[in-house]
C-alpha cells in the first residue's frame, strides 16, 4: 500500500519523454562507450520535454559515472562533475526515488571518493526500496573498499539471496574482501568468475596468485 501511495503521488510523465528514457536506458545497459554516448541526446531530449523527469537525470548521471571510470573519456574531471550534478538534480526533484539516491551514491563514491555521502544515499535508496539489488551491491563494494570488510561481505552476500545473477560489483566485493582478509584461494576463485579483462580485477587476480606462490600463473595474467 505504501509503494502504491508513493506511485500515485508522482506526476504523470510525458509518454514520448518516457519512451526516450527507456531507449536510453537500454543503450546504456551494457556500459559501452557507444551506448552511453548514444543515450545522452535521448535523455537530454526527454528532460527538455519533461523538466521534472528525475529518473532521466539519474540515468544521465549513471552514464557520466561510467565515463568517469572508463579508459575512453577525454575529460574525466568533467564527467565526474556531470555525474554529481545530474544525480543531485534527480534527488532534488524526487527525494523519494530510490534510483535517484542510488545514482547519487554511485557518483559520490566513484567520482568524488566521498564514502560517507555515498553510504548515506545508498541507505536512503534502500529505505525507499529494500530489495534494490544494485544498491545493495554498490553498498557492499563501497563498504569493502573502505575497510568495513565483514559488513561489505554480508551486504554482497545478501544480494545473491535476492538474485543469484548479481551485478559484477557483488562478485568484486566478495573477491576483494577475501583478498584483504588473506583468503587468497577464495580471492582467486572470486576474481576468476568476473567477466571482462578489467585492469583492476586482473591486477588483484595476479596479486592473489602471487600470494599463493603461483608466480608463473601470476605473470601470465
N, C-alpha and C. Protein backbone atom coordinates (compact mmCIF):
# COMPACT_ATOMS: atom_id res chain seq x y z
N UNK A 1 0.83 -1.20 0.00
CA UNK A 1 0.00 0.00 0.00
C UNK A 1 0.87 1.25 0.00
N UNK A 2 1.98 1.20 0.78
CA UNK A 2 2.89 2.35 0.84
C UNK A 2 3.50 2.64 -0.53
N UNK A 3 3.96 1.57 -1.23
CA UNK A 3 4.55 1.76 -2.55
C UNK A 3 3.52 2.29 -3.53
N UNK A 4 2.28 1.78 -3.45
CA UNK A 4 1.21 2.26 -4.33
C UNK A 4 0.94 3.73 -4.07
N UNK A 5 0.92 4.13 -2.81
CA UNK A 5 0.66 5.54 -2.47
C UNK A 5 1.74 6.43 -3.05
N UNK A 6 3.00 6.00 -2.95
CA UNK A 6 4.09 6.81 -3.49
C UNK A 6 3.96 6.93 -5.00
N UNK A 7 3.57 5.83 -5.66
CA UNK A 7 3.43 5.85 -7.12
C UNK A 7 2.34 6.82 -7.54
N UNK A 8 1.21 6.80 -6.82
CA UNK A 8 0.10 7.67 -7.17
C UNK A 8 0.41 9.13 -6.93
N UNK A 9 1.38 9.42 -6.06
CA UNK A 9 1.75 10.81 -5.78
C UNK A 9 2.65 11.39 -6.87
N UNK A 10 3.27 10.54 -7.68
CA UNK A 10 4.23 11.02 -8.68
C UNK A 10 3.48 11.66 -9.85
N UNK A 11 4.03 12.74 -10.43
CA UNK A 11 3.39 13.38 -11.57
C UNK A 11 3.44 12.48 -12.80
N UNK A 12 2.49 12.66 -13.68
CA UNK A 12 2.45 11.89 -14.93
C UNK A 12 3.55 12.40 -15.85
N UNK A 13 4.32 11.48 -16.43
CA UNK A 13 5.41 11.82 -17.33
C UNK A 13 4.93 11.74 -18.77
N UNK A 14 5.33 12.70 -19.57
CA UNK A 14 5.02 12.72 -21.00
C UNK A 14 5.43 11.39 -21.64
N UNK A 15 4.54 10.79 -22.40
CA UNK A 15 4.79 9.46 -22.97
C UNK A 15 6.03 9.44 -23.86
N UNK A 16 6.20 10.46 -24.66
CA UNK A 16 7.35 10.49 -25.55
C UNK A 16 8.65 10.64 -24.76
N UNK A 17 8.60 11.42 -23.68
CA UNK A 17 9.78 11.56 -22.82
C UNK A 17 10.12 10.22 -22.19
N UNK A 18 9.10 9.49 -21.76
CA UNK A 18 9.35 8.18 -21.14
C UNK A 18 9.87 7.19 -22.16
N UNK A 19 9.39 7.25 -23.39
CA UNK A 19 9.89 6.37 -24.44
C UNK A 19 11.37 6.65 -24.71
N UNK A 20 11.75 7.92 -24.75
CA UNK A 20 13.16 8.29 -24.93
C UNK A 20 14.01 7.76 -23.78
N UNK A 21 13.48 7.86 -22.57
CA UNK A 21 14.18 7.36 -21.39
C UNK A 21 14.42 5.86 -21.47
N UNK A 22 13.40 5.11 -21.86
CA UNK A 22 13.54 3.65 -21.96
C UNK A 22 14.56 3.26 -23.02
N UNK A 23 14.56 3.96 -24.14
CA UNK A 23 15.55 3.68 -25.19
C UNK A 23 16.96 3.97 -24.70
N UNK A 24 17.11 5.08 -23.98
CA UNK A 24 18.43 5.45 -23.46
C UNK A 24 18.91 4.44 -22.42
N UNK A 25 18.01 4.02 -21.56
CA UNK A 25 18.40 3.05 -20.52
C UNK A 25 18.85 1.74 -21.16
N UNK A 26 18.16 1.33 -22.22
CA UNK A 26 18.57 0.11 -22.94
C UNK A 26 19.96 0.28 -23.54
N UNK A 27 20.22 1.44 -24.14
CA UNK A 27 21.52 1.69 -24.76
C UNK A 27 22.65 1.67 -23.73
N UNK A 28 22.37 2.17 -22.54
CA UNK A 28 23.41 2.27 -21.51
C UNK A 28 23.61 0.97 -20.74
N UNK A 29 22.74 0.01 -20.94
CA UNK A 29 22.76 -1.19 -20.10
C UNK A 29 24.10 -1.91 -20.15
N UNK A 30 24.73 -1.96 -21.31
CA UNK A 30 26.00 -2.66 -21.44
C UNK A 30 27.20 -1.84 -21.05
N UNK A 31 27.00 -0.57 -20.69
CA UNK A 31 28.07 0.35 -20.24
C UNK A 31 29.14 0.59 -21.31
N UNK A 32 28.79 0.41 -22.58
CA UNK A 32 29.77 0.64 -23.65
C UNK A 32 29.84 2.13 -23.98
N UNK A 33 30.98 2.54 -24.52
CA UNK A 33 31.14 3.93 -24.92
C UNK A 33 30.07 4.32 -25.92
N UNK A 34 29.85 3.47 -26.91
CA UNK A 34 28.87 3.78 -27.97
C UNK A 34 27.47 3.92 -27.38
N UNK A 35 27.11 3.01 -26.49
CA UNK A 35 25.78 3.07 -25.90
C UNK A 35 25.57 4.29 -25.04
N UNK A 36 26.58 4.61 -24.24
CA UNK A 36 26.48 5.77 -23.34
C UNK A 36 26.36 7.06 -24.14
N UNK A 37 27.19 7.21 -25.15
CA UNK A 37 27.16 8.45 -25.95
C UNK A 37 25.87 8.56 -26.76
N UNK A 38 25.35 7.42 -27.22
CA UNK A 38 24.10 7.44 -27.97
C UNK A 38 22.91 7.74 -27.07
N UNK A 39 23.01 7.38 -25.80
CA UNK A 39 21.91 7.59 -24.86
C UNK A 39 21.77 9.05 -24.45
N UNK A 40 22.87 9.78 -24.40
CA UNK A 40 22.84 11.14 -23.85
C UNK A 40 21.87 12.08 -24.56
N UNK A 41 21.90 12.18 -25.89
CA UNK A 41 20.95 13.09 -26.52
C UNK A 41 19.50 12.68 -26.29
N UNK A 42 19.24 11.38 -26.17
CA UNK A 42 17.88 10.92 -25.90
C UNK A 42 17.43 11.37 -24.51
N UNK A 43 18.33 11.24 -23.53
CA UNK A 43 17.99 11.66 -22.17
C UNK A 43 17.83 13.17 -22.07
N UNK A 44 18.68 13.90 -22.77
CA UNK A 44 18.56 15.37 -22.73
C UNK A 44 17.27 15.82 -23.42
N UNK A 45 16.88 15.11 -24.46
CA UNK A 45 15.60 15.44 -25.12
C UNK A 45 14.44 15.12 -24.19
N UNK A 46 14.54 14.00 -23.47
CA UNK A 46 13.48 13.63 -22.52
C UNK A 46 13.36 14.71 -21.44
N UNK A 47 14.49 15.21 -20.95
CA UNK A 47 14.48 16.25 -19.92
C UNK A 47 13.95 17.56 -20.49
N UNK A 48 14.26 17.85 -21.76
CA UNK A 48 13.74 19.06 -22.38
C UNK A 48 12.21 19.00 -22.49
N UNK A 49 11.68 17.82 -22.73
CA UNK A 49 10.24 17.65 -22.82
C UNK A 49 9.59 17.64 -21.45
N UNK A 50 10.33 17.14 -20.45
CA UNK A 50 9.76 16.94 -19.12
C UNK A 50 10.83 17.32 -18.09
N UNK A 51 10.88 18.59 -17.72
CA UNK A 51 11.98 19.09 -16.88
C UNK A 51 12.01 18.45 -15.49
N UNK A 52 10.90 17.89 -15.04
CA UNK A 52 10.85 17.26 -13.73
C UNK A 52 11.03 15.76 -13.77
N UNK A 53 11.63 15.27 -14.84
CA UNK A 53 11.80 13.81 -15.02
C UNK A 53 13.04 13.37 -14.26
N UNK A 54 12.87 13.08 -12.98
CA UNK A 54 14.00 12.76 -12.11
C UNK A 54 14.78 11.54 -12.57
N UNK A 55 14.09 10.50 -13.02
CA UNK A 55 14.77 9.27 -13.44
C UNK A 55 15.65 9.50 -14.65
N UNK A 56 15.28 10.44 -15.51
CA UNK A 56 16.12 10.75 -16.67
C UNK A 56 17.41 11.41 -16.22
N UNK A 57 17.34 12.30 -15.24
CA UNK A 57 18.56 12.89 -14.68
C UNK A 57 19.43 11.81 -14.04
N UNK A 58 18.80 10.87 -13.33
CA UNK A 58 19.55 9.80 -12.68
C UNK A 58 20.25 8.92 -13.72
N UNK A 59 19.55 8.63 -14.80
CA UNK A 59 20.14 7.79 -15.85
C UNK A 59 21.28 8.53 -16.54
N UNK A 60 21.13 9.83 -16.73
CA UNK A 60 22.20 10.63 -17.32
C UNK A 60 23.42 10.61 -16.41
N UNK A 61 23.19 10.73 -15.11
CA UNK A 61 24.29 10.66 -14.15
C UNK A 61 25.00 9.31 -14.24
N UNK A 62 24.24 8.25 -14.39
CA UNK A 62 24.83 6.92 -14.45
C UNK A 62 25.80 6.81 -15.62
N UNK A 63 25.42 7.38 -16.77
CA UNK A 63 26.30 7.35 -17.94
C UNK A 63 27.59 8.12 -17.70
N UNK A 64 27.48 9.26 -17.03
CA UNK A 64 28.68 10.03 -16.73
C UNK A 64 29.56 9.32 -15.70
N UNK A 65 28.95 8.62 -14.77
CA UNK A 65 29.73 7.83 -13.81
C UNK A 65 30.51 6.74 -14.52
N UNK A 66 29.85 6.08 -15.48
CA UNK A 66 30.54 5.06 -16.28
C UNK A 66 31.72 5.68 -17.03
N UNK A 67 31.46 6.86 -17.62
CA UNK A 67 32.54 7.52 -18.37
C UNK A 67 33.71 7.86 -17.45
N UNK A 68 33.39 8.35 -16.25
CA UNK A 68 34.46 8.72 -15.31
C UNK A 68 35.36 7.53 -15.01
N UNK A 69 34.78 6.35 -14.94
CA UNK A 69 35.54 5.14 -14.62
C UNK A 69 36.19 4.50 -15.84
N UNK A 70 35.91 5.03 -17.03
CA UNK A 70 36.35 4.39 -18.26
C UNK A 70 37.79 4.78 -18.62
N UNK A 71 38.29 4.11 -19.67
CA UNK A 71 39.60 4.47 -20.21
C UNK A 71 39.46 5.25 -21.52
N UNK A 72 38.21 5.63 -21.86
CA UNK A 72 38.00 6.33 -23.13
C UNK A 72 37.61 7.80 -22.97
N UNK A 73 37.33 8.24 -21.76
CA UNK A 73 36.90 9.62 -21.56
C UNK A 73 38.01 10.59 -21.93
N UNK A 74 37.64 11.67 -22.58
CA UNK A 74 38.62 12.72 -22.91
C UNK A 74 38.74 13.73 -21.78
N UNK A 75 37.81 13.69 -20.82
CA UNK A 75 37.85 14.63 -19.69
C UNK A 75 37.16 13.98 -18.49
N UNK A 76 37.92 13.22 -17.74
CA UNK A 76 37.35 12.51 -16.60
C UNK A 76 36.79 13.46 -15.55
N UNK A 77 37.47 14.57 -15.32
CA UNK A 77 37.01 15.52 -14.30
C UNK A 77 35.63 16.08 -14.67
N UNK A 78 35.46 16.43 -15.94
CA UNK A 78 34.17 16.96 -16.38
C UNK A 78 33.07 15.91 -16.26
N UNK A 79 33.41 14.66 -16.61
CA UNK A 79 32.43 13.57 -16.49
C UNK A 79 32.02 13.39 -15.04
N UNK A 80 32.98 13.47 -14.12
CA UNK A 80 32.66 13.35 -12.70
C UNK A 80 31.75 14.46 -12.21
N UNK A 81 32.04 15.68 -12.66
CA UNK A 81 31.20 16.82 -12.25
C UNK A 81 29.77 16.65 -12.76
N UNK A 82 29.64 16.20 -14.00
CA UNK A 82 28.31 15.99 -14.57
C UNK A 82 27.56 14.88 -13.84
N UNK A 83 28.27 13.81 -13.50
CA UNK A 83 27.64 12.71 -12.77
C UNK A 83 27.06 13.20 -11.45
N UNK A 84 27.83 13.98 -10.72
CA UNK A 84 27.38 14.51 -9.44
C UNK A 84 26.23 15.50 -9.61
N UNK A 85 26.35 16.38 -10.61
CA UNK A 85 25.33 17.41 -10.80
C UNK A 85 24.00 16.81 -11.23
N UNK A 86 24.05 15.86 -12.17
CA UNK A 86 22.81 15.26 -12.65
C UNK A 86 22.12 14.45 -11.56
N UNK A 87 22.91 13.71 -10.76
CA UNK A 87 22.31 12.93 -9.67
C UNK A 87 21.74 13.82 -8.59
N UNK A 88 22.45 14.90 -8.27
CA UNK A 88 21.94 15.84 -7.27
C UNK A 88 20.63 16.47 -7.72
N UNK A 89 20.53 16.78 -9.01
CA UNK A 89 19.30 17.34 -9.54
C UNK A 89 18.17 16.31 -9.47
N UNK A 90 18.51 15.05 -9.75
CA UNK A 90 17.50 13.99 -9.68
C UNK A 90 16.92 13.88 -8.27
N UNK A 91 17.80 13.88 -7.27
CA UNK A 91 17.35 13.77 -5.88
C UNK A 91 16.56 15.01 -5.46
N UNK A 92 16.97 16.17 -5.94
CA UNK A 92 16.24 17.40 -5.62
C UNK A 92 14.82 17.37 -6.16
N UNK A 93 14.68 16.79 -7.35
CA UNK A 93 13.35 16.70 -7.97
C UNK A 93 12.48 15.67 -7.27
N UNK A 94 13.06 14.52 -6.97
CA UNK A 94 12.27 13.42 -6.40
C UNK A 94 13.07 12.72 -5.29
N UNK A 95 13.05 13.27 -4.09
CA UNK A 95 13.83 12.68 -2.98
C UNK A 95 13.31 11.34 -2.50
N UNK A 96 12.15 10.90 -3.02
CA UNK A 96 11.60 9.60 -2.63
C UNK A 96 11.87 8.53 -3.68
N UNK A 97 12.72 8.83 -4.65
CA UNK A 97 13.02 7.91 -5.75
C UNK A 97 14.32 7.17 -5.44
N UNK A 98 14.24 5.86 -5.27
CA UNK A 98 15.42 5.08 -4.90
C UNK A 98 16.48 5.12 -5.99
N UNK A 99 16.08 5.15 -7.26
CA UNK A 99 17.06 5.20 -8.35
C UNK A 99 17.88 6.49 -8.31
N UNK A 100 17.24 7.58 -7.91
CA UNK A 100 17.95 8.86 -7.84
C UNK A 100 18.99 8.83 -6.73
N UNK A 101 18.62 8.27 -5.59
CA UNK A 101 19.59 8.17 -4.49
C UNK A 101 20.72 7.21 -4.85
N UNK A 102 20.40 6.12 -5.56
CA UNK A 102 21.46 5.20 -5.97
C UNK A 102 22.42 5.88 -6.93
N UNK A 103 21.90 6.69 -7.86
CA UNK A 103 22.75 7.41 -8.80
C UNK A 103 23.69 8.36 -8.07
N UNK A 104 23.16 9.05 -7.05
CA UNK A 104 24.00 9.99 -6.31
C UNK A 104 25.00 9.24 -5.43
N UNK A 105 24.61 8.10 -4.90
CA UNK A 105 25.54 7.28 -4.13
C UNK A 105 26.71 6.84 -5.01
N UNK A 106 26.40 6.39 -6.23
CA UNK A 106 27.45 5.94 -7.15
C UNK A 106 28.36 7.10 -7.53
N UNK A 107 27.77 8.26 -7.82
CA UNK A 107 28.57 9.42 -8.21
C UNK A 107 29.48 9.87 -7.07
N UNK A 108 28.95 9.86 -5.88
CA UNK A 108 29.75 10.27 -4.72
C UNK A 108 30.90 9.29 -4.47
N UNK A 109 30.62 8.01 -4.63
CA UNK A 109 31.65 7.01 -4.35
C UNK A 109 32.70 6.96 -5.44
N UNK A 110 32.28 6.82 -6.69
CA UNK A 110 33.22 6.63 -7.79
C UNK A 110 33.88 7.94 -8.23
N UNK A 111 33.10 9.01 -8.29
CA UNK A 111 33.60 10.26 -8.88
C UNK A 111 34.12 11.26 -7.85
N UNK A 112 33.65 11.14 -6.62
CA UNK A 112 34.02 12.13 -5.60
C UNK A 112 34.77 11.51 -4.44
N UNK A 113 34.87 10.19 -4.40
CA UNK A 113 35.57 9.46 -3.34
C UNK A 113 35.06 9.87 -1.95
N UNK A 114 33.75 10.14 -1.88
CA UNK A 114 33.13 10.55 -0.62
C UNK A 114 32.30 9.38 -0.10
N UNK A 115 32.93 8.55 0.71
CA UNK A 115 32.27 7.33 1.18
C UNK A 115 31.06 7.65 2.06
N UNK A 116 31.20 8.63 2.95
CA UNK A 116 30.09 8.94 3.86
C UNK A 116 28.85 9.39 3.10
N UNK A 117 29.03 10.25 2.10
CA UNK A 117 27.89 10.71 1.31
C UNK A 117 27.32 9.56 0.49
N UNK A 118 28.20 8.73 -0.06
CA UNK A 118 27.74 7.58 -0.85
C UNK A 118 26.91 6.64 0.01
N UNK A 119 27.37 6.35 1.20
CA UNK A 119 26.64 5.44 2.09
C UNK A 119 25.30 6.04 2.50
N UNK A 120 25.29 7.34 2.77
CA UNK A 120 24.05 8.00 3.18
C UNK A 120 22.98 7.87 2.10
N UNK A 121 23.37 8.07 0.84
CA UNK A 121 22.39 7.99 -0.24
C UNK A 121 22.05 6.54 -0.58
N UNK A 122 23.00 5.63 -0.43
CA UNK A 122 22.68 4.21 -0.62
C UNK A 122 21.69 3.75 0.44
N UNK A 123 21.91 4.18 1.69
CA UNK A 123 20.97 3.83 2.76
C UNK A 123 19.59 4.40 2.47
N UNK A 124 19.54 5.64 1.96
CA UNK A 124 18.25 6.24 1.64
C UNK A 124 17.56 5.48 0.50
N UNK A 125 18.34 5.06 -0.48
CA UNK A 125 17.77 4.28 -1.58
C UNK A 125 17.15 2.99 -1.07
N UNK A 126 17.81 2.37 -0.09
CA UNK A 126 17.30 1.11 0.45
C UNK A 126 16.10 1.31 1.38
N UNK A 127 15.98 2.50 1.96
CA UNK A 127 14.76 2.83 2.70
C UNK A 127 13.58 2.84 1.73
N UNK A 128 13.81 3.44 0.55
CA UNK A 128 12.75 3.53 -0.45
C UNK A 128 12.46 2.19 -1.12
N UNK A 129 13.54 1.41 -1.32
CA UNK A 129 13.38 0.10 -1.98
C UNK A 129 14.36 -0.89 -1.36
N UNK A 130 13.96 -1.60 -0.32
CA UNK A 130 14.88 -2.50 0.39
C UNK A 130 15.40 -3.65 -0.46
N UNK A 131 14.75 -3.96 -1.56
CA UNK A 131 15.16 -5.08 -2.42
C UNK A 131 15.89 -4.63 -3.67
N UNK A 132 16.41 -3.42 -3.66
CA UNK A 132 17.16 -2.92 -4.82
C UNK A 132 18.54 -3.57 -4.83
N UNK A 133 18.67 -4.61 -5.64
CA UNK A 133 19.91 -5.38 -5.65
C UNK A 133 21.11 -4.55 -6.07
N UNK A 134 20.92 -3.65 -7.01
CA UNK A 134 22.03 -2.83 -7.49
C UNK A 134 22.58 -1.93 -6.39
N UNK A 135 21.68 -1.37 -5.57
CA UNK A 135 22.14 -0.54 -4.47
C UNK A 135 22.84 -1.38 -3.41
N UNK A 136 22.32 -2.56 -3.14
CA UNK A 136 22.95 -3.45 -2.15
C UNK A 136 24.36 -3.81 -2.61
N UNK A 137 24.53 -4.09 -3.90
CA UNK A 137 25.86 -4.41 -4.43
C UNK A 137 26.80 -3.22 -4.34
N UNK A 138 26.30 -2.05 -4.69
CA UNK A 138 27.11 -0.83 -4.60
C UNK A 138 27.55 -0.59 -3.16
N UNK A 139 26.62 -0.74 -2.23
CA UNK A 139 26.94 -0.51 -0.83
C UNK A 139 27.96 -1.54 -0.33
N UNK A 140 27.78 -2.79 -0.73
CA UNK A 140 28.74 -3.82 -0.33
C UNK A 140 30.13 -3.54 -0.84
N UNK A 141 30.23 -3.10 -2.08
CA UNK A 141 31.53 -2.78 -2.67
C UNK A 141 32.15 -1.58 -1.97
N UNK A 142 31.35 -0.54 -1.72
CA UNK A 142 31.86 0.67 -1.06
C UNK A 142 32.34 0.35 0.35
N UNK A 143 31.57 -0.44 1.08
CA UNK A 143 31.97 -0.81 2.44
C UNK A 143 33.28 -1.59 2.43
N UNK A 144 33.40 -2.54 1.52
CA UNK A 144 34.61 -3.35 1.44
C UNK A 144 35.82 -2.49 1.11
N UNK A 145 35.66 -1.60 0.14
CA UNK A 145 36.78 -0.73 -0.26
C UNK A 145 37.22 0.21 0.85
N UNK A 146 36.31 0.51 1.77
CA UNK A 146 36.64 1.44 2.84
C UNK A 146 36.95 0.73 4.16
N UNK A 147 37.29 -0.55 4.06
CA UNK A 147 37.78 -1.26 5.23
C UNK A 147 36.74 -1.91 6.11
N UNK A 148 35.45 -1.75 5.77
CA UNK A 148 34.38 -2.39 6.53
C UNK A 148 34.10 -3.76 5.88
N UNK A 149 35.08 -4.64 5.97
CA UNK A 149 35.07 -5.85 5.15
C UNK A 149 33.92 -6.78 5.52
N UNK A 150 33.75 -7.08 6.79
CA UNK A 150 32.69 -8.01 7.19
C UNK A 150 31.32 -7.48 6.80
N UNK A 151 31.09 -6.20 7.03
CA UNK A 151 29.80 -5.60 6.68
C UNK A 151 29.60 -5.61 5.16
N UNK A 152 30.68 -5.32 4.44
CA UNK A 152 30.59 -5.34 2.97
C UNK A 152 30.32 -6.73 2.44
N UNK A 153 30.96 -7.74 3.02
CA UNK A 153 30.74 -9.12 2.60
C UNK A 153 29.30 -9.55 2.87
N UNK A 154 28.79 -9.19 4.04
CA UNK A 154 27.41 -9.55 4.37
C UNK A 154 26.42 -8.89 3.42
N UNK A 155 26.71 -7.64 3.09
CA UNK A 155 25.84 -6.90 2.19
C UNK A 155 25.84 -7.54 0.80
N UNK A 156 27.01 -7.89 0.31
CA UNK A 156 27.12 -8.51 -1.01
C UNK A 156 26.45 -9.88 -1.03
N UNK A 157 26.65 -10.65 0.02
CA UNK A 157 26.03 -11.97 0.10
C UNK A 157 24.51 -11.86 0.13
N UNK A 158 24.00 -10.82 0.78
CA UNK A 158 22.56 -10.61 0.83
C UNK A 158 21.99 -10.40 -0.57
N UNK A 159 22.77 -9.76 -1.44
CA UNK A 159 22.31 -9.51 -2.80
C UNK A 159 22.07 -10.80 -3.55
N UNK A 160 22.91 -11.80 -3.31
CA UNK A 160 22.76 -13.08 -4.00
C UNK A 160 21.49 -13.81 -3.56
N UNK A 161 21.01 -13.52 -2.36
CA UNK A 161 19.75 -14.12 -1.92
C UNK A 161 18.58 -13.58 -2.73
N UNK A 162 18.70 -12.31 -3.16
CA UNK A 162 17.65 -11.69 -3.96
C UNK A 162 17.68 -12.21 -5.39
N UNK A 163 18.90 -12.40 -5.91
CA UNK A 163 19.06 -12.85 -7.29
C UNK A 163 20.46 -13.40 -7.47
N UNK A 164 20.59 -14.70 -7.81
CA UNK A 164 21.94 -15.28 -7.98
C UNK A 164 22.71 -14.66 -9.14
N UNK A 165 21.99 -14.01 -10.06
CA UNK A 165 22.65 -13.34 -11.19
C UNK A 165 22.94 -11.90 -10.77
N UNK A 166 23.79 -11.76 -9.79
CA UNK A 166 24.06 -10.45 -9.21
C UNK A 166 24.94 -9.61 -10.12
N UNK A 167 24.87 -8.27 -9.99
CA UNK A 167 25.79 -7.40 -10.72
C UNK A 167 27.24 -7.72 -10.36
N UNK A 168 28.16 -7.41 -11.26
CA UNK A 168 29.55 -7.78 -11.04
C UNK A 168 30.16 -7.10 -9.83
N UNK A 169 29.61 -5.96 -9.43
CA UNK A 169 30.13 -5.29 -8.23
C UNK A 169 30.06 -6.20 -7.02
N UNK A 170 29.07 -7.09 -6.98
CA UNK A 170 28.96 -8.02 -5.86
C UNK A 170 30.08 -9.05 -5.89
N UNK A 171 30.38 -9.58 -7.07
CA UNK A 171 31.49 -10.53 -7.20
C UNK A 171 32.82 -9.87 -6.82
N UNK A 172 32.99 -8.62 -7.29
CA UNK A 172 34.23 -7.90 -6.99
C UNK A 172 34.35 -7.67 -5.49
N UNK A 173 33.26 -7.28 -4.83
CA UNK A 173 33.30 -7.02 -3.40
C UNK A 173 33.66 -8.27 -2.62
N UNK A 174 33.06 -9.40 -2.99
CA UNK A 174 33.34 -10.65 -2.28
C UNK A 174 34.79 -11.08 -2.48
N UNK A 175 35.27 -10.98 -3.73
CA UNK A 175 36.64 -11.38 -4.03
C UNK A 175 37.64 -10.45 -3.36
N UNK A 176 37.35 -9.15 -3.40
CA UNK A 176 38.24 -8.17 -2.78
C UNK A 176 38.28 -8.37 -1.26
N UNK A 177 37.12 -8.63 -0.67
CA UNK A 177 37.08 -8.87 0.76
C UNK A 177 37.90 -10.09 1.15
N UNK A 178 37.80 -11.15 0.35
CA UNK A 178 38.59 -12.35 0.62
C UNK A 178 40.08 -12.04 0.54
N UNK A 179 40.47 -11.24 -0.46
CA UNK A 179 41.88 -10.87 -0.61
C UNK A 179 42.37 -10.06 0.60
N UNK A 180 41.60 -9.08 1.00
CA UNK A 180 42.01 -8.21 2.11
C UNK A 180 42.09 -8.97 3.43
N UNK A 181 41.32 -10.05 3.54
CA UNK A 181 41.37 -10.88 4.74
C UNK A 181 42.44 -11.97 4.65
N UNK A 182 43.16 -12.02 3.53
CA UNK A 182 44.21 -13.01 3.37
C UNK A 182 43.75 -14.36 2.89
N UNK A 183 42.49 -14.46 2.46
CA UNK A 183 41.96 -15.72 1.92
C UNK A 183 42.20 -15.74 0.41
N UNK A 184 43.45 -15.95 0.02
CA UNK A 184 43.85 -15.76 -1.36
C UNK A 184 43.24 -16.79 -2.32
N UNK A 185 43.02 -18.01 -1.85
CA UNK A 185 42.40 -19.02 -2.70
C UNK A 185 40.96 -18.61 -3.05
N UNK A 186 40.22 -18.13 -2.05
CA UNK A 186 38.86 -17.66 -2.31
C UNK A 186 38.88 -16.42 -3.21
N UNK A 187 39.89 -15.58 -3.02
CA UNK A 187 40.01 -14.38 -3.86
C UNK A 187 40.25 -14.77 -5.31
N UNK A 188 41.12 -15.74 -5.56
CA UNK A 188 41.38 -16.20 -6.93
C UNK A 188 40.10 -16.73 -7.56
N UNK A 189 39.38 -17.56 -6.83
CA UNK A 189 38.13 -18.11 -7.35
C UNK A 189 37.12 -17.01 -7.64
N UNK A 190 37.08 -16.00 -6.76
CA UNK A 190 36.14 -14.91 -6.95
C UNK A 190 36.48 -14.04 -8.14
N UNK A 191 37.74 -13.63 -8.25
CA UNK A 191 38.14 -12.78 -9.37
C UNK A 191 38.02 -13.52 -10.70
N UNK A 192 38.25 -14.83 -10.69
CA UNK A 192 38.16 -15.62 -11.92
C UNK A 192 36.72 -15.70 -12.45
N UNK A 193 35.74 -15.44 -11.59
CA UNK A 193 34.33 -15.51 -12.01
C UNK A 193 33.85 -14.24 -12.69
N UNK A 194 34.68 -13.19 -12.64
CA UNK A 194 34.26 -11.89 -13.17
C UNK A 194 34.60 -11.82 -14.65
N UNK A 195 33.60 -11.55 -15.46
CA UNK A 195 33.81 -11.47 -16.90
C UNK A 195 34.46 -10.15 -17.27
N UNK A 196 35.18 -10.14 -18.39
CA UNK A 196 35.82 -8.91 -18.84
C UNK A 196 37.21 -8.77 -18.26
N UNK A 197 38.12 -8.31 -19.07
CA UNK A 197 39.53 -8.18 -18.65
C UNK A 197 39.79 -6.79 -18.07
N UNK A 198 39.13 -6.47 -16.94
CA UNK A 198 39.35 -5.19 -16.29
C UNK A 198 40.74 -5.16 -15.67
N UNK A 199 41.44 -4.08 -15.84
CA UNK A 199 42.80 -3.98 -15.33
C UNK A 199 42.86 -4.19 -13.82
N UNK A 200 41.93 -3.57 -13.10
CA UNK A 200 41.95 -3.67 -11.64
C UNK A 200 41.70 -5.11 -11.19
N UNK A 201 40.77 -5.78 -11.86
CA UNK A 201 40.46 -7.17 -11.50
C UNK A 201 41.63 -8.08 -11.81
N UNK A 202 42.24 -7.89 -12.99
CA UNK A 202 43.39 -8.71 -13.36
C UNK A 202 44.56 -8.48 -12.41
N UNK A 203 44.75 -7.23 -11.99
CA UNK A 203 45.83 -6.94 -11.05
C UNK A 203 45.60 -7.64 -9.72
N UNK A 204 44.35 -7.62 -9.24
CA UNK A 204 44.03 -8.29 -7.98
C UNK A 204 44.17 -9.80 -8.12
N UNK A 205 43.75 -10.34 -9.27
CA UNK A 205 43.89 -11.77 -9.50
C UNK A 205 45.36 -12.18 -9.49
N UNK A 206 46.20 -11.39 -10.17
CA UNK A 206 47.63 -11.68 -10.21
C UNK A 206 48.23 -11.61 -8.81
N UNK A 207 47.81 -10.62 -8.02
CA UNK A 207 48.34 -10.47 -6.67
C UNK A 207 47.94 -11.65 -5.79
N UNK A 208 46.71 -12.12 -5.94
CA UNK A 208 46.25 -13.26 -5.15
C UNK A 208 47.01 -14.52 -5.52
N UNK A 209 47.23 -14.73 -6.82
CA UNK A 209 48.01 -15.88 -7.27
C UNK A 209 49.45 -15.81 -6.74
N UNK A 210 50.02 -14.63 -6.76
CA UNK A 210 51.40 -14.45 -6.27
C UNK A 210 51.49 -14.81 -4.78
N UNK A 211 50.49 -14.38 -4.02
CA UNK A 211 50.48 -14.68 -2.59
C UNK A 211 50.29 -16.16 -2.31
N UNK A 212 49.74 -16.89 -3.28
CA UNK A 212 49.61 -18.35 -3.14
C UNK A 212 50.87 -19.08 -3.61
N UNK A 213 51.86 -18.30 -4.07
CA UNK A 213 53.09 -18.91 -4.56
C UNK A 213 53.01 -19.36 -6.00
N UNK A 214 51.93 -19.01 -6.70
CA UNK A 214 51.76 -19.39 -8.09
C UNK A 214 52.31 -18.26 -8.98
N UNK A 215 53.61 -18.10 -8.95
CA UNK A 215 54.24 -16.95 -9.58
C UNK A 215 54.12 -16.98 -11.10
N UNK A 216 54.27 -18.13 -11.71
CA UNK A 216 54.14 -18.23 -13.17
C UNK A 216 52.72 -17.86 -13.61
N UNK A 217 51.73 -18.34 -12.88
CA UNK A 217 50.35 -18.02 -13.21
C UNK A 217 50.08 -16.53 -13.03
N UNK A 218 50.69 -15.95 -12.00
CA UNK A 218 50.51 -14.51 -11.76
C UNK A 218 51.10 -13.71 -12.91
N UNK A 219 52.29 -14.10 -13.38
CA UNK A 219 52.91 -13.40 -14.51
C UNK A 219 52.07 -13.56 -15.78
N UNK A 220 51.42 -14.72 -15.94
CA UNK A 220 50.63 -14.98 -17.13
C UNK A 220 49.40 -14.09 -17.21
N UNK A 221 48.88 -13.70 -16.05
CA UNK A 221 47.71 -12.82 -16.01
C UNK A 221 48.07 -11.45 -16.57
